[in-house]
Amino acid sequence: SGDRAISIIAFIGSVFSPWYRWSGRRD
């Protein structure tokens, strides 16, 4: 119908997470 949508992304290493960035992206 064009009025709804869904997005699902499974991250190992959550590239848009500030916590991952602040951790140095080592793990």
PDB file of all heavy atoms in Angstrom:
ATOM      1  N   SER A   1       0.817  -1.219   0.000  1.00  0.00           N
ATOM      2  CA  SER A   1       0.000   0.000   0.000  1.00  0.00           C
ATOM      3  C   SER A   1       0.850   1.268   0.000  1.00  0.00           C
ATOM      4  O   SER A   1       0.330   2.361  -0.241  1.00  0.00           O
ATOM      5  CB  SER A   1      -0.918   0.003   1.222  1.00  0.00           C
ATOM      6  OG  SER A   1      -0.146  -0.052   2.422  1.00  0.00           O
ATOM      7  N   GLY A   2       2.149   1.139   0.313  1.00  0.00           N
ATOM      8  CA  GLY A   2       3.048   2.287   0.262  1.00  0.00           C
ATOM      9  C   GLY A   2       3.021   3.194   1.465  1.00  0.00           C
ATOM     10  O   GLY A   2       3.683   4.240   1.467  1.00  0.00           O
ATOM     11  N   ASP A   3       2.296   2.809   2.540  1.00  0.00           N
ATOM     12  CA  ASP A   3       2.195   3.703   3.691  1.00  0.00           C
ATOM     13  C   ASP A   3       2.945   3.187   4.921  1.00  0.00           C
ATOM     14  O   ASP A   3       2.924   3.824   5.970  1.00  0.00           O
ATOM     15  CB  ASP A   3       0.730   3.959   4.050  1.00  0.00           C
ATOM     16  CG  ASP A   3      -0.019   2.677   4.426  1.00  0.00           C
ATOM     17  OD1 ASP A   3       0.525   1.570   4.188  1.00  0.00           O
ATOM     18  OD2 ASP A   3      -1.157   2.778   4.922  1.00  0.00           O
ATOM     19  N   ARG A   4       3.619   2.035   4.795  1.00  0.00           N
ATOM     20  CA  ARG A   4       4.382   1.496   5.919  1.00  0.00           C
ATOM     21  C   ARG A   4       5.662   0.851   5.394  1.00  0.00           C
ATOM     22  O   ARG A   4       5.742   0.420   4.247  1.00  0.00           O
ATOM     23  CB  ARG A   4       3.571   0.469   6.714  1.00  0.00           C
ATOM     24  CG  ARG A   4       2.319   1.050   7.368  1.00  0.00           C
ATOM     25  CD  ARG A   4       1.629   0.029   8.250  1.00  0.00           C
ATOM     26  NE  ARG A   4       0.334   0.498   8.703  1.00  0.00           N
ATOM     27  CZ  ARG A   4       0.125   1.272   9.758  1.00  0.00           C
ATOM     28  NH1 ARG A   4       1.159   1.690  10.475  1.00  0.00           N
ATOM     29  NH2 ARG A   4      -1.085   1.637  10.110  1.00  0.00           N
ATOM     30  N   ALA A   5       6.639   0.783   6.278  1.00  0.00           N
ATOM     31  CA  ALA A   5       7.914   0.137   5.920  1.00  0.00           C
ATOM     32  C   ALA A   5       8.590  -0.312   7.204  1.00  0.00           C
ATOM     33  O   ALA A   5       8.240   0.138   8.307  1.00  0.00           O
ATOM     34  CB  ALA A   5       8.818   1.101   5.144  1.00  0.00           C
ATOM     35  N   ILE A   6       9.557  -1.211   7.044  1.00  0.00           N
ATOM     36  CA  ILE A   6      10.312  -1.694   8.191  1.00  0.00           C
ATOM     37  C   ILE A   6      11.745  -1.937   7.767  1.00  0.00           C
ATOM     38  O   ILE A   6      12.018  -2.302   6.618  1.00  0.00           O
ATOM     39  CB  ILE A   6       9.681  -2.990   8.760  1.00  0.00           C
ATOM     40  CG1 ILE A   6      10.341  -3.381  10.087  1.00  0.00           C
ATOM     41  CG2 ILE A   6       9.748  -4.137   7.748  1.00  0.00           C
ATOM     42  CD1 ILE A   6       9.573  -4.461  10.848  1.00  0.00           C
ATOM     43  N   SER A   7      12.674  -1.690   8.680  1.00  0.00           N
ATOM     44  CA  SER A   7      14.087  -1.949   8.447  1.00  0.00           C
ATOM     45  C   SER A   7      14.637  -2.705   9.641  1.00  0.00           C
ATOM     46  O   SER A   7      14.382  -2.339  10.787  1.00  0.00           O
ATOM     47  CB  SER A   7      14.851  -0.625   8.269  1.00  0.00           C
ATOM     48  OG  SER A   7      16.245  -0.847   8.265  1.00  0.00           O
ATOM     49  N   ILE A   8      15.391  -3.772   9.360  1.00  0.00           N
ATOM     50  CA  ILE A   8      16.023  -4.572  10.410  1.00  0.00           C
ATOM     51  C   ILE A   8      17.487  -4.750  10.037  1.00  0.00           C
ATOM     52  O   ILE A   8      17.790  -5.214   8.939  1.00  0.00           O
ATOM     53  CB  ILE A   8      15.354  -5.955  10.556  1.00  0.00           C
ATOM     54  CG1 ILE A   8      13.857  -5.796  10.853  1.00  0.00           C
ATOM     55  CG2 ILE A   8      16.032  -6.766  11.648  1.00  0.00           C
ATOM     56  CD1 ILE A   8      13.090  -7.106  10.755  1.00  0.00           C
ATOM     57  N   ILE A   9      18.387  -4.384  10.933  1.00  0.00           N
ATOM     58  CA  ILE A   9      19.820  -4.540  10.687  1.00  0.00           C
ATOM     59  C   ILE A   9      20.446  -5.219  11.896  1.00  0.00           C
ATOM     60  O   ILE A   9      20.342  -4.722  13.018  1.00  0.00           O
ATOM     61  CB  ILE A   9      20.525  -3.194  10.447  1.00  0.00           C
ATOM     62  CG1 ILE A   9      19.805  -2.385   9.362  1.00  0.00           C
ATOM     63  CG2 ILE A   9      21.987  -3.431  10.048  1.00  0.00           C
ATOM     64  CD1 ILE A   9      20.385  -0.986   9.156  1.00  0.00           C
ATOM     65  N   ALA A  10      21.089  -6.362  11.656  1.00  0.00           N
ATOM     66  CA  ALA A  10      21.835  -7.045  12.709  1.00  0.00           C
ATOM     67  C   ALA A  10      23.294  -6.626  12.614  1.00  0.00           C
ATOM     68  O   ALA A  10      23.937  -6.822  11.580  1.00  0.00           O
ATOM     69  CB  ALA A  10      21.703  -8.557  12.556  1.00  0.00           C
ATOM     70  N   PHE A  11      23.807  -6.018  13.676  1.00  0.00           N
ATOM     71  CA  PHE A  11      25.180  -5.517  13.701  1.00  0.00           C
ATOM     72  C   PHE A  11      26.061  -6.386  14.598  1.00  0.00           C
ATOM     73  O   PHE A  11      25.697  -6.678  15.740  1.00  0.00           O
ATOM     74  CB  PHE A  11      25.243  -4.099  14.284  1.00  0.00           C
ATOM     75  CG  PHE A  11      24.699  -3.018  13.393  1.00  0.00           C
ATOM     76  CD1 PHE A  11      23.446  -2.478  13.627  1.00  0.00           C
ATOM     77  CD2 PHE A  11      25.449  -2.505  12.354  1.00  0.00           C
ATOM     78  CE1 PHE A  11      22.942  -1.452  12.840  1.00  0.00           C
ATOM     79  CE2 PHE A  11      24.971  -1.480  11.562  1.00  0.00           C
ATOM     80  CZ  PHE A  11      23.705  -0.959  11.798  1.00  0.00           C
ATOM     81  N   ILE A  12      27.206  -6.795  14.103  1.00  0.00           N
ATOM     82  CA  ILE A  12      28.316  -7.236  14.947  1.00  0.00           C
ATOM     83  C   ILE A  12      29.408  -6.201  14.747  1.00  0.00           C
ATOM     84  O   ILE A  12      30.056  -6.156  13.705  1.00  0.00           O
ATOM     85  CB  ILE A  12      28.812  -8.646  14.559  1.00  0.00           C
ATOM     86  CG1 ILE A  12      27.690  -9.670  14.727  1.00  0.00           C
ATOM     87  CG2 ILE A  12      30.015  -9.035  15.421  1.00  0.00           C
ATOM     88  CD1 ILE A  12      28.078 -11.075  14.328  1.00  0.00           C
ATOM     89  N   GLY A  13      29.579  -5.359  15.738  1.00  0.00           N
ATOM     90  CA  GLY A  13      30.342  -4.132  15.555  1.00  0.00           C
ATOM     91  C   GLY A  13      29.363  -3.092  15.053  1.00  0.00           C
ATOM     92  O   GLY A  13      29.186  -2.909  13.842  1.00  0.00           O
ATOM     93  N   SER A  14      28.664  -2.438  15.948  1.00  0.00           N
ATOM     94  CA  SER A  14      27.572  -1.524  15.591  1.00  0.00           C
ATOM     95  C   SER A  14      28.157  -0.214  15.066  1.00  0.00           C
ATOM     96  O   SER A  14      28.492   0.687  15.830  1.00  0.00           O
ATOM     97  CB  SER A  14      26.683  -1.288  16.820  1.00  0.00           C
ATOM     98  OG  SER A  14      25.530  -0.577  16.478  1.00  0.00           O
ATOM     99  N   VAL A  15      28.286  -0.129  13.742  1.00  0.00           N
ATOM    100  CA  VAL A  15      29.096   0.935  13.135  1.00  0.00           C
ATOM    101  C   VAL A  15      28.599   2.344  13.453  1.00  0.00           C
ATOM    102  O   VAL A  15      29.388   3.288  13.454  1.00  0.00           O
ATOM    103  CB  VAL A  15      29.192   0.751  11.603  1.00  0.00           C
ATOM    104  CG1 VAL A  15      29.951  -0.508  11.278  1.00  0.00           C
ATOM    105  CG2 VAL A  15      27.812   0.724  10.956  1.00  0.00           C
ATOM    106  N   PHE A  16      27.301   2.497  13.721  1.00  0.00           N
ATOM    107  CA  PHE A  16      26.769   3.824  14.020  1.00  0.00           C
ATOM    108  C   PHE A  16      26.616   4.068  15.522  1.00  0.00           C
ATOM    109  O   PHE A  16      26.039   5.068  15.932  1.00  0.00           O
ATOM    110  CB  PHE A  16      25.429   4.034  13.317  1.00  0.00           C
ATOM    111  CG  PHE A  16      25.528   3.942  11.825  1.00  0.00           C
ATOM    112  CD1 PHE A  16      24.759   3.047  11.115  1.00  0.00           C
ATOM    113  CD2 PHE A  16      26.416   4.751  11.120  1.00  0.00           C
ATOM    114  CE1 PHE A  16      24.857   2.953   9.734  1.00  0.00           C
ATOM    115  CE2 PHE A  16      26.533   4.669   9.750  1.00  0.00           C
ATOM    116  CZ  PHE A  16      25.746   3.759   9.044  1.00  0.00           C
ATOM    117  N   SER A  17      27.130   3.172  16.335  1.00  0.00           N
ATOM    118  CA  SER A  17      27.028   3.328  17.781  1.00  0.00           C
ATOM    119  C   SER A  17      28.168   4.185  18.316  1.00  0.00           C
ATOM    120  O   SER A  17      29.342   3.874  18.087  1.00  0.00           O
ATOM    121  CB  SER A  17      27.065   1.961  18.463  1.00  0.00           C
ATOM    122  OG  SER A  17      27.289   2.099  19.847  1.00  0.00           O
ATOM    123  N   PRO A  18      27.863   5.250  19.062  1.00  0.00           N
ATOM    124  CA  PRO A  18      28.948   6.024  19.679  1.00  0.00           C
ATOM    125  C   PRO A  18      29.727   5.206  20.699  1.00  0.00           C
ATOM    126  O   PRO A  18      30.925   5.427  20.905  1.00  0.00           O
ATOM    127  CB  PRO A  18      28.212   7.195  20.335  1.00  0.00           C
ATOM    128  CG  PRO A  18      26.820   6.704  20.554  1.00  0.00           C
ATOM    129  CD  PRO A  18      26.530   5.788  19.406  1.00  0.00           C
ATOM    130  N   TRP A  19      29.053   4.231  21.344  1.00  0.00           N
ATOM    131  CA  TRP A  19      29.738   3.391  22.329  1.00  0.00           C
ATOM    132  C   TRP A  19      30.823   2.555  21.664  1.00  0.00           C
ATOM    133  O   TRP A  19      31.903   2.367  22.236  1.00  0.00           O
ATOM    134  CB  TRP A  19      28.723   2.488  23.035  1.00  0.00           C
ATOM    135  CG  TRP A  19      27.540   3.241  23.555  1.00  0.00           C
ATOM    136  CD1 TRP A  19      26.296   3.314  22.991  1.00  0.00           C
ATOM    137  CD2 TRP A  19      27.485   4.066  24.730  1.00  0.00           C
ATOM    138  NE1 TRP A  19      25.472   4.121  23.733  1.00  0.00           N
ATOM    139  CE2 TRP A  19      26.180   4.596  24.817  1.00  0.00           C
ATOM    140  CE3 TRP A  19      28.406   4.392  25.731  1.00  0.00           C
ATOM    141  CZ2 TRP A  19      25.776   5.426  25.849  1.00  0.00           C
ATOM    142  CZ3 TRP A  19      27.997   5.225  26.763  1.00  0.00           C
ATOM    143  CH2 TRP A  19      26.703   5.727  26.816  1.00  0.00           C
ATOM    144  N   TYR A  20      30.549   2.073  20.485  1.00  0.00           N
ATOM    145  CA  TYR A  20      31.550   1.305  19.734  1.00  0.00           C
ATOM    146  C   TYR A  20      32.718   2.202  19.334  1.00  0.00           C
ATOM    147  O   TYR A  20      33.885   1.816  19.445  1.00  0.00           O
ATOM    148  CB  TYR A  20      30.882   0.690  18.500  1.00  0.00           C
ATOM    149  CG  TYR A  20      31.750  -0.273  17.716  1.00  0.00           C
ATOM    150  CD1 TYR A  20      32.630  -1.141  18.342  1.00  0.00           C
ATOM    151  CD2 TYR A  20      31.652  -0.334  16.326  1.00  0.00           C
ATOM    152  CE1 TYR A  20      33.401  -2.039  17.612  1.00  0.00           C
ATOM    153  CE2 TYR A  20      32.411  -1.227  15.588  1.00  0.00           C
ATOM    154  CZ  TYR A  20      33.292  -2.074  16.232  1.00  0.00           C
ATOM    155  OH  TYR A  20      34.059  -2.948  15.501  1.00  0.00           O
ATOM    156  N   ARG A  21      32.399   3.413  18.920  1.00  0.00           N
ATOM    157  CA  ARG A  21      33.438   4.373  18.562  1.00  0.00           C
ATOM    158  C   ARG A  21      34.293   4.724  19.771  1.00  0.00           C
ATOM    159  O   ARG A  21      35.536   4.720  19.705  1.00  0.00           O
ATOM    160  CB  ARG A  21      32.802   5.635  17.977  1.00  0.00           C
ATOM    161  CG  ARG A  21      33.757   6.795  17.746  1.00  0.00           C
ATOM    162  CD  ARG A  21      34.844   6.453  16.753  1.00  0.00           C
ATOM    163  NE  ARG A  21      35.700   7.599  16.502  1.00  0.00           N
ATOM    164  CZ  ARG A  21      36.846   7.529  15.837  1.00  0.00           C
ATOM    165  NH1 ARG A  21      37.270   6.369  15.356  1.00  0.00           N
ATOM    166  NH2 ARG A  21      37.566   8.606  15.647  1.00  0.00           N
ATOM    167  N   TRP A  22      33.641   5.019  20.899  1.00  0.00           N
ATOM    168  CA  TRP A  22      34.381   5.400  22.108  1.00  0.00           C
ATOM    169  C   TRP A  22      35.232   4.243  22.636  1.00  0.00           C
ATOM    170  O   TRP A  22      36.227   4.467  23.323  1.00  0.00           O
ATOM    171  CB  TRP A  22      33.400   5.874  23.179  1.00  0.00           C
ATOM    172  CG  TRP A  22      32.751   7.194  22.847  1.00  0.00           C
ATOM    173  CD1 TRP A  22      33.271   8.197  22.084  1.00  0.00           C
ATOM    174  CD2 TRP A  22      31.457   7.641  23.262  1.00  0.00           C
ATOM    175  NE1 TRP A  22      32.384   9.246  21.985  1.00  0.00           N
ATOM    176  CE2 TRP A  22      31.261   8.938  22.706  1.00  0.00           C
ATOM    177  CE3 TRP A  22      30.446   7.086  24.048  1.00  0.00           C
ATOM    178  CZ2 TRP A  22      30.097   9.677  22.915  1.00  0.00           C
ATOM    179  CZ3 TRP A  22      29.284   7.817  24.254  1.00  0.00           C
ATOM    180  CH2 TRP A  22      29.120   9.099  23.698  1.00  0.00           C
ATOM    181  N   SER A  23      34.863   3.012  22.311  1.00  0.00           N
ATOM    182  CA  SER A  23      35.633   1.853  22.772  1.00  0.00           C
ATOM    183  C   SER A  23      36.895   1.636  21.932  1.00  0.00           C
ATOM    184  O   SER A  23      37.718   0.782  22.266  1.00  0.00           O
ATOM    185  CB  SER A  23      34.768   0.591  22.700  1.00  0.00           C
ATOM    186  OG  SER A  23      34.613   0.149  21.361  1.00  0.00           O
ATOM    187  N   GLY A  24      37.015   2.380  20.835  1.00  0.00           N
ATOM    188  CA  GLY A  24      38.154   2.197  19.942  1.00  0.00           C
ATOM    189  C   GLY A  24      37.916   1.168  18.854  1.00  0.00           C
ATOM    190  O   GLY A  24      38.825   0.853  18.084  1.00  0.00           O
ATOM    191  N   ARG A  25      36.694   0.637  18.789  1.00  0.00           N
ATOM    192  CA  ARG A  25      36.318  -0.353  17.762  1.00  0.00           C
ATOM    193  C   ARG A  25      37.253  -1.557  17.735  1.00  0.00           C
ATOM    194  O   ARG A  25      37.517  -2.128  16.685  1.00  0.00           O
ATOM    195  CB  ARG A  25      36.263   0.305  16.375  1.00  0.00           C
ATOM    196  CG  ARG A  25      35.123   1.291  16.175  1.00  0.00           C
ATOM    197  CD  ARG A  25      34.921   1.558  14.686  1.00  0.00           C
ATOM    198  NE  ARG A  25      33.734   2.362  14.437  1.00  0.00           N
ATOM    199  CZ  ARG A  25      33.759   3.649  14.107  1.00  0.00           C
ATOM    200  NH1 ARG A  25      34.919   4.267  13.997  1.00  0.00           N
ATOM    201  NH2 ARG A  25      32.655   4.310  13.863  1.00  0.00           N
ATOM    202  N   ARG A  26      37.751  -1.954  18.871  1.00  0.00           N
ATOM    203  CA  ARG A  26      38.681  -3.084  18.923  1.00  0.00           C
ATOM    204  C   ARG A  26      37.989  -4.423  19.136  1.00  0.00           C
ATOM    205  O   ARG A  26      38.590  -5.468  18.910  1.00  0.00           O
ATOM    206  CB  ARG A  26      39.714  -2.855  20.034  1.00  0.00           C
ATOM    207  CG  ARG A  26      40.697  -1.725  19.770  1.00  0.00           C
ATOM    208  CD  ARG A  26      41.698  -1.602  20.903  1.00  0.00           C
ATOM    209  NE  ARG A  26      41.056  -1.220  22.155  1.00  0.00           N
ATOM    210  CZ  ARG A  26      40.863   0.043  22.534  1.00  0.00           C
ATOM    211  NH1 ARG A  26      41.276   1.036  21.768  1.00  0.00           N
ATOM    212  NH2 ARG A  26      40.265   0.311  23.686  1.00  0.00           N
ATOM    213  N   ASP A  27      36.731  -4.401  19.585  1.00  0.00           N
ATOM    214  CA  ASP A  27      36.065  -5.640  19.972  1.00  0.00           C
ATOM    215  C   ASP A  27      34.625  -5.621  19.440  1.00  0.00           C
ATOM    216  O   ASP A  27      33.682  -5.333  20.177  1.00  0.00           O
ATOM    217  CB  ASP A  27      36.080  -5.759  21.494  1.00  0.00           C
ATOM    218  CG  ASP A  27      35.611  -7.121  21.982  1.00  0.00           C
ATOM    219  OD1 ASP A  27      35.221  -7.952  21.137  1.00  0.00           O
ATOM    220  OD2 ASP A  27      35.622  -7.345  23.209  1.00  0.00           O
TER     221      ASP A  27
END
